[in-house]
Amino acid sequence: MVKTKKKNATGFLYVLKRVTKIFINLGLKDHYIRFFSLIWWLYFKIKNNIKIVGKENVPKTGPYILAGNHSSGADALLLVAVFCGLLNKRFKYIADNRDFKKDNIQRYFHMLYGGQPKIGKGAQLVDWMVDQLNKGHILAIAPEGMYNKNGKIMKAYTGITRVYHKINKLQKQPVPIIPLVSIGAHEAYPTSYEKDGSYRSKKSGIIGRFGKPIYLDNMEELNADILRDQTDYIMERIASLALQKEGPVDSWILAERDRSKKRYYK
């Protein structure tokens, strides 16, 4: 009886794992990821009439840093739908380590798409990201690190700038930052729940925009002020791409899930 309940509770995940294993054993993992991602692309196309602008700004090969806003509850799925589905590219990224603790859909999703749990201090995470770029991978980063309740683009931590300078000291060819924003995603998939505790997505439209590559001034020596200024510049470019007229805002209206966190912008 217990086994039946457990199987019923995890039936969908069980099927996904078995299908994934079959594709991996056949050497078709990339094809499976593409297929899985195209399903999400089709979903967003039908429900939100998603449109993509600026695909010409995306380099044909890595390494490069893909930096996007973190404004909706569907950001991760939108990214895989567009990047892995429509464009047929792969990327590495860091996710909340809590998503890896239980054997559920979230963990399956991260393991399938190359996610790394956020374990260790900032310097260790930076080293992991630089290592992925140095291997030729594409790295996806949400520089803000958390949601804003009203969907606004916020100031960001300086980790993205640290990664940029560190990888560009190792690579002969410049490794750019490619900005990517979603417009309308917050309205379609808000970061907060309804007053009755339910969550409701909407059929409003979504536009994804890739911006022109960002190259930062090389510095012989980096200090906190330089890192802060260059990170602010990155977020200003991202805010402008998202048509946010006031530029990046401070994080005084965090979404419910992030209200306990403090931001020091190191």
C-alpha atoms as a PDB file:
ATOM      1  CA  MET A   1       0.000   0.000   0.000  1.00  0.00           C
ATOM      2  CA  VAL A   2       2.800   2.406   0.926  1.00  0.00           C
ATOM      3  CA  LYS A   3       4.668   1.588  -2.259  1.00  0.00           C
ATOM      4  CA  THR A   4       1.579   2.312  -4.377  1.00  0.00           C
ATOM      5  CA  LYS A   5       1.104   5.732  -2.783  1.00  0.00           C
ATOM      6  CA  LYS A   6       4.732   6.598  -3.269  1.00  0.00           C
ATOM      7  CA  LYS A   7       4.613   5.532  -6.892  1.00  0.00           C
ATOM      8  CA  ASN A   8       1.470   7.591  -7.491  1.00  0.00           C
ATOM      9  CA  ALA A   9       3.049  10.636  -5.870  1.00  0.00           C
ATOM     10  CA  THR A  10       6.183  10.471  -7.985  1.00  0.00           C
ATOM     11  CA  GLY A  11       4.786   8.828 -11.106  1.00  0.00           C
ATOM     12  CA  PHE A  12       5.417  11.729 -13.486  1.00  0.00           C
ATOM     13  CA  LEU A  13       8.967  12.228 -12.232  1.00  0.00           C
ATOM     14  CA  TYR A  14       9.601   8.485 -12.496  1.00  0.00           C
ATOM     15  CA  VAL A  15       8.549   8.517 -16.159  1.00  0.00           C
ATOM     16  CA  LEU A  16      10.717  11.568 -16.894  1.00  0.00           C
ATOM     17  CA  LYS A  17      13.755   9.889 -15.360  1.00  0.00           C
ATOM     18  CA  ARG A  18      13.228   6.685 -17.321  1.00  0.00           C
ATOM     19  CA  VAL A  19      12.775   8.548 -20.602  1.00  0.00           C
ATOM     20  CA  THR A  20      15.848  10.682 -19.883  1.00  0.00           C
ATOM     21  CA  LYS A  21      17.939   7.599 -19.143  1.00  0.00           C
ATOM     22  CA  ILE A  22      16.891   6.002 -22.430  1.00  0.00           C
ATOM     23  CA  PHE A  23      17.932   9.078 -24.416  1.00  0.00           C
ATOM     24  CA  ILE A  24      21.245   9.341 -22.539  1.00  0.00           C
ATOM     25  CA  ASN A  25      22.028   5.660 -23.164  1.00  0.00           C
ATOM     26  CA  LEU A  26      21.342   6.225 -26.865  1.00  0.00           C
ATOM     27  CA  GLY A  27      23.674   9.232 -26.899  1.00  0.00           C
ATOM     28  CA  LEU A  28      20.767  11.573 -27.614  1.00  0.00           C
ATOM     29  CA  LYS A  29      20.705  13.729 -24.500  1.00  0.00           C
ATOM     30  CA  ASP A  30      21.030  16.986 -26.474  1.00  0.00           C
ATOM     31  CA  HIS A  31      18.109  15.961 -28.680  1.00  0.00           C
ATOM     32  CA  TYR A  32      16.011  15.206 -25.597  1.00  0.00           C
ATOM     33  CA  ILE A  33      16.846  18.594 -24.053  1.00  0.00           C
ATOM     34  CA  ARG A  34      15.923  20.303 -27.329  1.00  0.00           C
ATOM     35  CA  PHE A  35      12.625  18.431 -27.513  1.00  0.00           C
ATOM     36  CA  PHE A  36      11.811  19.145 -23.855  1.00  0.00           C
ATOM     37  CA  SER A  37      12.667  22.826 -24.343  1.00  0.00           C
ATOM     38  CA  LEU A  38      10.632  23.131 -27.534  1.00  0.00           C
ATOM     39  CA  ILE A  39       7.584  21.948 -25.613  1.00  0.00           C
ATOM     40  CA  TRP A  40       8.015  24.930 -23.295  1.00  0.00           C
ATOM     41  CA  TRP A  41       8.586  27.226 -26.272  1.00  0.00           C
ATOM     42  CA  LEU A  42       5.325  26.021 -27.780  1.00  0.00           C
ATOM     43  CA  TYR A  43       3.559  26.544 -24.450  1.00  0.00           C
ATOM     44  CA  PHE A  44       4.718  30.168 -24.154  1.00  0.00           C
ATOM     45  CA  LYS A  45       3.987  30.756 -27.843  1.00  0.00           C
ATOM     46  CA  ILE A  46       0.401  29.574 -27.509  1.00  0.00           C
ATOM     47  CA  LYS A  47      -0.351  31.108 -24.108  1.00  0.00           C
ATOM     48  CA  ASN A  48       1.705  34.321 -24.239  1.00  0.00           C
ATOM     49  CA  ASN A  49       2.425  34.824 -27.950  1.00  0.00           C
ATOM     50  CA  ILE A  50       6.102  35.178 -27.036  1.00  0.00           C
ATOM     51  CA  LYS A  51       8.264  37.109 -29.495  1.00  0.00           C
ATOM     52  CA  ILE A  52      12.074  37.290 -29.594  1.00  0.00           C
ATOM     53  CA  VAL A  53      14.024  40.359 -30.726  1.00  0.00           C
ATOM     54  CA  GLY A  54      17.776  40.718 -31.263  1.00  0.00           C
ATOM     55  CA  LYS A  55      18.780  37.122 -31.978  1.00  0.00           C
ATOM     56  CA  GLU A  56      21.554  38.522 -34.185  1.00  0.00           C
ATOM     57  CA  ASN A  57      23.299  39.733 -31.015  1.00  0.00           C
ATOM     58  CA  VAL A  58      23.820  36.177 -29.750  1.00  0.00           C
ATOM     59  CA  PRO A  59      27.291  34.782 -30.633  1.00  0.00           C
ATOM     60  CA  LYS A  60      27.272  31.519 -32.542  1.00  0.00           C
ATOM     61  CA  THR A  61      29.574  29.850 -30.010  1.00  0.00           C
ATOM     62  CA  GLY A  62      30.721  30.346 -26.430  1.00  0.00           C
ATOM     63  CA  PRO A  63      32.135  31.284 -24.152  1.00  0.00           C
ATOM     64  CA  TYR A  64      30.082  34.283 -23.107  1.00  0.00           C
ATOM     65  CA  ILE A  65      28.038  35.447 -20.144  1.00  0.00           C
ATOM     66  CA  LEU A  66      24.280  35.581 -20.597  1.00  0.00           C
ATOM     67  CA  ALA A  67      22.900  38.149 -18.119  1.00  0.00           C
ATOM     68  CA  GLY A  68      19.160  38.615 -17.650  1.00  0.00           C
ATOM     69  CA  ASN A  69      16.613  40.260 -15.414  1.00  0.00           C
ATOM     70  CA  HIS A  70      14.904  38.179 -12.723  1.00  0.00           C
ATOM     71  CA  SER A  71      11.373  39.514 -12.815  1.00  0.00           C
ATOM     72  CA  SER A  72       8.940  36.625 -13.097  1.00  0.00           C
ATOM     73  CA  GLY A  73       8.037  33.257 -11.658  1.00  0.00           C
ATOM     74  CA  ALA A  74       8.741  31.630 -15.026  1.00  0.00           C
ATOM     75  CA  ASP A  75      12.220  33.028 -15.757  1.00  0.00           C
ATOM     76  CA  ALA A  76      13.968  29.651 -15.736  1.00  0.00           C
ATOM     77  CA  LEU A  77      11.416  28.048 -18.056  1.00  0.00           C
ATOM     78  CA  LEU A  78      11.429  31.059 -20.360  1.00  0.00           C
ATOM     79  CA  LEU A  79      15.205  30.861 -20.600  1.00  0.00           C
ATOM     80  CA  VAL A  80      15.278  27.176 -21.543  1.00  0.00           C
ATOM     81  CA  ALA A  81      12.365  27.652 -23.951  1.00  0.00           C
ATOM     82  CA  VAL A  82      14.147  30.434 -25.823  1.00  0.00           C
ATOM     83  CA  PHE A  83      17.781  29.480 -25.453  1.00  0.00           C
ATOM     84  CA  CYS A  84      17.672  25.681 -25.480  1.00  0.00           C
ATOM     85  CA  GLY A  85      14.495  25.316 -27.537  1.00  0.00           C
ATOM     86  CA  LEU A  86      14.350  28.086 -30.122  1.00  0.00           C
ATOM     87  CA  LEU A  87      18.111  28.720 -30.434  1.00  0.00           C
ATOM     88  CA  ASN A  88      19.251  25.151 -29.637  1.00  0.00           C
ATOM     89  CA  LYS A  89      22.048  26.235 -27.285  1.00  0.00           C
ATOM     90  CA  ARG A  90      23.144  24.996 -23.864  1.00  0.00           C
ATOM     91  CA  PHE A  91      24.333  26.879 -20.808  1.00  0.00           C
ATOM     92  CA  LYS A  92      25.612  26.414 -17.268  1.00  0.00           C
ATOM     93  CA  TYR A  93      24.244  28.195 -14.222  1.00  0.00           C
ATOM     94  CA  ILE A  94      24.067  28.264 -10.423  1.00  0.00           C
ATOM     95  CA  ALA A  95      20.779  27.605  -8.607  1.00  0.00           C
ATOM     96  CA  ASP A  96      19.643  27.718  -4.988  1.00  0.00           C
ATOM     97  CA  ASN A  97      21.079  24.691  -3.206  1.00  0.00           C
ATOM     98  CA  ARG A  98      17.662  24.073  -1.596  1.00  0.00           C
ATOM     99  CA  ASP A  99      16.377  23.028  -5.027  1.00  0.00           C
ATOM    100  CA  PHE A 100      18.722  20.025  -4.976  1.00  0.00           C
ATOM    101  CA  LYS A 101      17.846  18.620  -1.552  1.00  0.00           C
ATOM    102  CA  LYS A 102      14.652  16.780  -2.500  1.00  0.00           C
ATOM    103  CA  ASP A 103      14.171  14.317  -5.310  1.00  0.00           C
ATOM    104  CA  ASN A 104      11.535  16.337  -7.139  1.00  0.00           C
ATOM    105  CA  ILE A 105      10.858  18.116 -10.447  1.00  0.00           C
ATOM    106  CA  GLN A 106      13.023  21.093  -9.514  1.00  0.00           C
ATOM    107  CA  ARG A 107      16.062  18.896  -8.892  1.00  0.00           C
ATOM    108  CA  TYR A 108      15.398  16.944 -12.085  1.00  0.00           C
ATOM    109  CA  PHE A 109      15.153  20.210 -14.034  1.00  0.00           C
ATOM    110  CA  HIS A 110      18.487  21.514 -12.700  1.00  0.00           C
ATOM    111  CA  MET A 111      20.298  18.236 -13.223  1.00  0.00           C
ATOM    112  CA  LEU A 112      19.023  17.986 -16.801  1.00  0.00           C
ATOM    113  CA  TYR A 113      20.005  21.529 -17.760  1.00  0.00           C
ATOM    114  CA  GLY A 114      23.417  21.666 -16.091  1.00  0.00           C
ATOM    115  CA  GLY A 115      22.619  23.555 -12.899  1.00  0.00           C
ATOM    116  CA  GLN A 116      25.100  23.786 -10.029  1.00  0.00           C
ATOM    117  CA  PRO A 117      23.939  24.138  -6.400  1.00  0.00           C
ATOM    118  CA  LYS A 118      24.887  27.403  -4.737  1.00  0.00           C
ATOM    119  CA  ILE A 119      27.299  25.956  -2.204  1.00  0.00           C
ATOM    120  CA  GLY A 120      30.302  27.802  -0.833  1.00  0.00           C
ATOM    121  CA  LYS A 121      31.366  31.404  -0.522  1.00  0.00           C
ATOM    122  CA  GLY A 122      31.264  34.052  -3.236  1.00  0.00           C
ATOM    123  CA  ALA A 123      34.851  33.468  -4.353  1.00  0.00           C
ATOM    124  CA  GLN A 124      34.207  29.740  -4.796  1.00  0.00           C
ATOM    125  CA  LEU A 125      31.113  30.406  -6.891  1.00  0.00           C
ATOM    126  CA  VAL A 126      33.021  32.896  -9.022  1.00  0.00           C
ATOM    127  CA  ASP A 127      35.776  30.306  -9.580  1.00  0.00           C
ATOM    128  CA  TRP A 128      33.206  27.693 -10.662  1.00  0.00           C
ATOM    129  CA  MET A 129      31.629  30.100 -13.158  1.00  0.00           C
ATOM    130  CA  VAL A 130      35.011  31.132 -14.541  1.00  0.00           C
ATOM    131  CA  ASP A 131      35.957  27.463 -14.922  1.00  0.00           C
ATOM    132  CA  GLN A 132      32.809  26.798 -16.961  1.00  0.00           C
ATOM    133  CA  LEU A 133      33.547  29.734 -19.248  1.00  0.00           C
ATOM    134  CA  ASN A 134      37.170  28.651 -19.583  1.00  0.00           C
ATOM    135  CA  LYS A 135      35.910  25.269 -20.823  1.00  0.00           C
ATOM    136  CA  GLY A 136      34.009  27.071 -23.576  1.00  0.00           C
ATOM    137  CA  HIS A 137      30.552  26.894 -22.012  1.00  0.00           C
ATOM    138  CA  ILE A 138      27.916  29.621 -22.007  1.00  0.00           C
ATOM    139  CA  LEU A 139      27.162  30.897 -18.514  1.00  0.00           C
ATOM    140  CA  ALA A 140      23.729  32.234 -17.537  1.00  0.00           C
ATOM    141  CA  ILE A 141      23.551  34.690 -14.612  1.00  0.00           C
ATOM    142  CA  ALA A 142      20.746  36.643 -12.967  1.00  0.00           C
ATOM    143  CA  PRO A 143      22.920  39.411 -11.456  1.00  0.00           C
ATOM    144  CA  GLU A 144      20.173  40.652  -9.114  1.00  0.00           C
ATOM    145  CA  GLY A 145      20.067  37.318  -7.312  1.00  0.00           C
ATOM    146  CA  MET A 146      16.405  37.557  -6.280  1.00  0.00           C
ATOM    147  CA  TYR A 147      12.952  38.808  -7.249  1.00  0.00           C
ATOM    148  CA  ASN A 148      11.490  42.272  -6.901  1.00  0.00           C
ATOM    149  CA  LYS A 149       7.780  42.198  -6.029  1.00  0.00           C
ATOM    150  CA  ASN A 150       6.840  44.743  -8.689  1.00  0.00           C
ATOM    151  CA  GLY A 151       9.012  43.184 -11.388  1.00  0.00           C
ATOM    152  CA  LYS A 152      11.450  46.093 -11.572  1.00  0.00           C
ATOM    153  CA  ILE A 153      15.088  45.545 -12.454  1.00  0.00           C
ATOM    154  CA  MET A 154      17.233  46.162  -9.380  1.00  0.00           C
ATOM    155  CA  LYS A 155      20.803  46.917  -8.475  1.00  0.00           C
ATOM    156  CA  ALA A 156      22.929  43.793  -8.611  1.00  0.00           C
ATOM    157  CA  TYR A 157      25.735  42.082  -6.786  1.00  0.00           C
ATOM    158  CA  THR A 158      29.210  42.517  -8.249  1.00  0.00           C
ATOM    159  CA  GLY A 159      29.731  38.810  -8.912  1.00  0.00           C
ATOM    160  CA  ILE A 160      29.077  39.172 -12.632  1.00  0.00           C
ATOM    161  CA  THR A 161      31.785  41.826 -12.936  1.00  0.00           C
ATOM    162  CA  ARG A 162      34.263  39.705 -10.985  1.00  0.00           C
ATOM    163  CA  VAL A 163      33.570  36.761 -13.295  1.00  0.00           C
ATOM    164  CA  TYR A 164      33.959  38.971 -16.377  1.00  0.00           C
ATOM    165  CA  HIS A 165      37.387  40.295 -15.417  1.00  0.00           C
ATOM    166  CA  LYS A 166      38.689  36.948 -14.207  1.00  0.00           C
ATOM    167  CA  ILE A 167      37.744  35.040 -17.367  1.00  0.00           C
ATOM    168  CA  ASN A 168      39.065  37.795 -19.626  1.00  0.00           C
ATOM    169  CA  LYS A 169      42.467  37.495 -18.017  1.00  0.00           C
ATOM    170  CA  LEU A 170      42.497  33.832 -19.034  1.00  0.00           C
ATOM    171  CA  GLN A 171      41.074  34.077 -22.551  1.00  0.00           C
ATOM    172  CA  LYS A 172      42.856  35.532 -25.575  1.00  0.00           C
ATOM    173  CA  GLN A 173      39.586  36.532 -27.240  1.00  0.00           C
ATOM    174  CA  PRO A 174      37.296  38.879 -25.265  1.00  0.00           C
ATOM    175  CA  VAL A 175      34.441  37.119 -23.485  1.00  0.00           C
ATOM    176  CA  PRO A 176      31.395  39.426 -23.663  1.00  0.00           C
ATOM    177  CA  ILE A 177      28.279  39.824 -21.569  1.00  0.00           C
ATOM    178  CA  ILE A 178      25.100  39.319 -23.619  1.00  0.00           C
ATOM    179  CA  PRO A 179      22.129  41.064 -21.962  1.00  0.00           C
ATOM    180  CA  LEU A 180      18.742  39.362 -22.171  1.00  0.00           C
ATOM    181  CA  VAL A 181      15.453  40.687 -20.790  1.00  0.00           C
ATOM    182  CA  SER A 182      11.841  39.616 -20.710  1.00  0.00           C
ATOM    183  CA  ILE A 183       9.158  42.271 -21.070  1.00  0.00           C
ATOM    184  CA  GLY A 184       5.680  41.362 -19.854  1.00  0.00           C
ATOM    185  CA  ALA A 185       6.778  38.178 -18.072  1.00  0.00           C
ATOM    186  CA  HIS A 186       6.160  39.683 -14.624  1.00  0.00           C
ATOM    187  CA  GLU A 187       2.566  40.480 -15.531  1.00  0.00           C
ATOM    188  CA  ALA A 188       2.055  37.007 -17.018  1.00  0.00           C
ATOM    189  CA  TYR A 189       3.841  35.107 -14.227  1.00  0.00           C
ATOM    190  CA  PRO A 190       4.013  37.352 -11.138  1.00  0.00           C
ATOM    191  CA  THR A 191       6.472  36.719  -8.321  1.00  0.00           C
ATOM    192  CA  SER A 192       3.804  36.915  -5.612  1.00  0.00           C
ATOM    193  CA  TYR A 193       0.647  35.016  -4.722  1.00  0.00           C
ATOM    194  CA  GLU A 194      -2.946  36.222  -4.721  1.00  0.00           C
ATOM    195  CA  LYS A 195      -4.555  37.381  -1.459  1.00  0.00           C
ATOM    196  CA  ASP A 196      -6.304  34.015  -1.111  1.00  0.00           C
ATOM    197  CA  GLY A 197      -2.945  32.239  -1.294  1.00  0.00           C
ATOM    198  CA  SER A 198      -3.366  30.956  -4.834  1.00  0.00           C
ATOM    199  CA  TYR A 199      -1.052  31.575  -7.763  1.00  0.00           C
ATOM    200  CA  ARG A 200      -2.511  32.652 -11.095  1.00  0.00           C
ATOM    201  CA  SER A 201      -0.659  33.092 -14.347  1.00  0.00           C
ATOM    202  CA  LYS A 202      -2.124  35.226 -17.117  1.00  0.00           C
ATOM    203  CA  LYS A 203      -2.266  35.126 -20.901  1.00  0.00           C
ATOM    204  CA  SER A 204      -0.599  38.519 -21.409  1.00  0.00           C
ATOM    205  CA  GLY A 205       2.090  38.801 -24.064  1.00  0.00           C
ATOM    206  CA  ILE A 206       5.851  38.401 -23.541  1.00  0.00           C
ATOM    207  CA  ILE A 207       8.751  39.879 -25.498  1.00  0.00           C
ATOM    208  CA  GLY A 208      12.297  38.606 -25.078  1.00  0.00           C
ATOM    209  CA  ARG A 209      15.098  40.964 -26.124  1.00  0.00           C
ATOM    210  CA  PHE A 210      18.785  40.185 -26.637  1.00  0.00           C
ATOM    211  CA  GLY A 211      20.977  43.297 -26.457  1.00  0.00           C
ATOM    212  CA  LYS A 212      24.303  44.102 -28.020  1.00  0.00           C
ATOM    213  CA  PRO A 213      27.382  42.569 -26.329  1.00  0.00           C
ATOM    214  CA  ILE A 214      28.749  44.430 -23.308  1.00  0.00           C
ATOM    215  CA  TYR A 215      32.505  44.871 -22.931  1.00  0.00           C
ATOM    216  CA  LEU A 216      33.888  46.438 -19.774  1.00  0.00           C
ATOM    217  CA  ASP A 217      37.053  48.517 -19.490  1.00  0.00           C
ATOM    218  CA  ASN A 218      39.996  46.369 -18.486  1.00  0.00           C
ATOM    219  CA  MET A 219      41.581  47.348 -15.189  1.00  0.00           C
ATOM    220  CA  GLU A 220      45.041  46.505 -13.910  1.00  0.00           C
ATOM    221  CA  GLU A 221      43.719  46.571 -10.366  1.00  0.00           C
ATOM    222  CA  LEU A 222      40.122  46.168  -9.246  1.00  0.00           C
ATOM    223  CA  ASN A 223      38.637  47.704  -6.148  1.00  0.00           C
ATOM    224  CA  ALA A 224      35.151  47.892  -4.640  1.00  0.00           C
ATOM    225  CA  ASP A 225      34.334  51.211  -6.308  1.00  0.00           C
ATOM    226  CA  ILE A 226      35.283  50.006  -9.790  1.00  0.00           C
ATOM    227  CA  LEU A 227      33.345  46.763  -9.353  1.00  0.00           C
ATOM    228  CA  ARG A 228      30.317  48.708  -8.134  1.00  0.00           C
ATOM    229  CA  ASP A 229      30.419  51.233 -10.974  1.00  0.00           C
ATOM    230  CA  GLN A 230      30.829  48.588 -13.675  1.00  0.00           C
ATOM    231  CA  THR A 231      28.082  46.402 -12.209  1.00  0.00           C
ATOM    232  CA  ASP A 232      25.746  49.409 -12.120  1.00  0.00           C
ATOM    233  CA  TYR A 233      26.611  50.047 -15.770  1.00  0.00           C
ATOM    234  CA  ILE A 234      25.664  46.459 -16.680  1.00  0.00           C
ATOM    235  CA  MET A 235      22.320  46.798 -14.916  1.00  0.00           C
ATOM    236  CA  GLU A 236      21.677  50.160 -16.569  1.00  0.00           C
ATOM    237  CA  ARG A 237      22.145  48.478 -19.952  1.00  0.00           C
ATOM    238  CA  ILE A 238      19.775  45.687 -18.924  1.00  0.00           C
ATOM    239  CA  ALA A 239      17.182  48.160 -17.597  1.00  0.00           C
ATOM    240  CA  SER A 240      17.387  50.183 -20.806  1.00  0.00           C
ATOM    241  CA  LEU A 241      16.907  47.016 -22.874  1.00  0.00           C
ATOM    242  CA  ALA A 242      13.802  46.273 -20.801  1.00  0.00           C
ATOM    243  CA  LEU A 243      12.497  49.834 -21.422  1.00  0.00           C
ATOM    244  CA  GLN A 244      12.644  50.627 -17.681  1.00  0.00           C
ATOM    245  CA  LYS A 245      12.919  54.402 -17.850  1.00  0.00           C
ATOM    246  CA  GLU A 246      14.001  55.031 -14.249  1.00  0.00           C
ATOM    247  CA  GLY A 247      16.955  52.651 -14.528  1.00  0.00           C
ATOM    248  CA  PRO A 248      17.780  50.007 -11.899  1.00  0.00           C
ATOM    249  CA  VAL A 249      15.917  50.493  -8.619  1.00  0.00           C
ATOM    250  CA  ASP A 250      16.937  49.573  -5.100  1.00  0.00           C
ATOM    251  CA  SER A 251      15.569  46.369  -3.573  1.00  0.00           C
ATOM    252  CA  TRP A 252      13.140  47.832  -1.074  1.00  0.00           C
ATOM    253  CA  ILE A 253      10.135  45.852  -2.415  1.00  0.00           C
ATOM    254  CA  LEU A 254      11.301  42.246  -2.405  1.00  0.00           C
ATOM    255  CA  ALA A 255       8.938  39.425  -3.288  1.00  0.00           C
ATOM    256  CA  GLU A 256       7.529  37.344  -0.421  1.00  0.00           C
ATOM    257  CA  ARG A 257      10.012  34.507  -0.848  1.00  0.00           C
ATOM    258  CA  ASP A 258      12.988  36.909  -0.548  1.00  0.00           C
ATOM    259  CA  ARG A 259      11.894  39.328   2.169  1.00  0.00           C
ATOM    260  CA  SER A 260      14.016  37.644   4.842  1.00  0.00           C
ATOM    261  CA  LYS A 261      17.197  38.198   2.838  1.00  0.00           C
ATOM    262  CA  LYS A 262      19.413  41.228   3.308  1.00  0.00           C
ATOM    263  CA  ARG A 263      21.309  42.829   0.449  1.00  0.00           C
ATOM    264  CA  TYR A 264      24.756  44.316   0.904  1.00  0.00           C
ATOM    265  CA  TYR A 265      25.722  44.604  -2.788  1.00  0.00           C
ATOM    266  CA  LYS A 266      29.282  43.357  -2.310  1.00  0.00           C
END
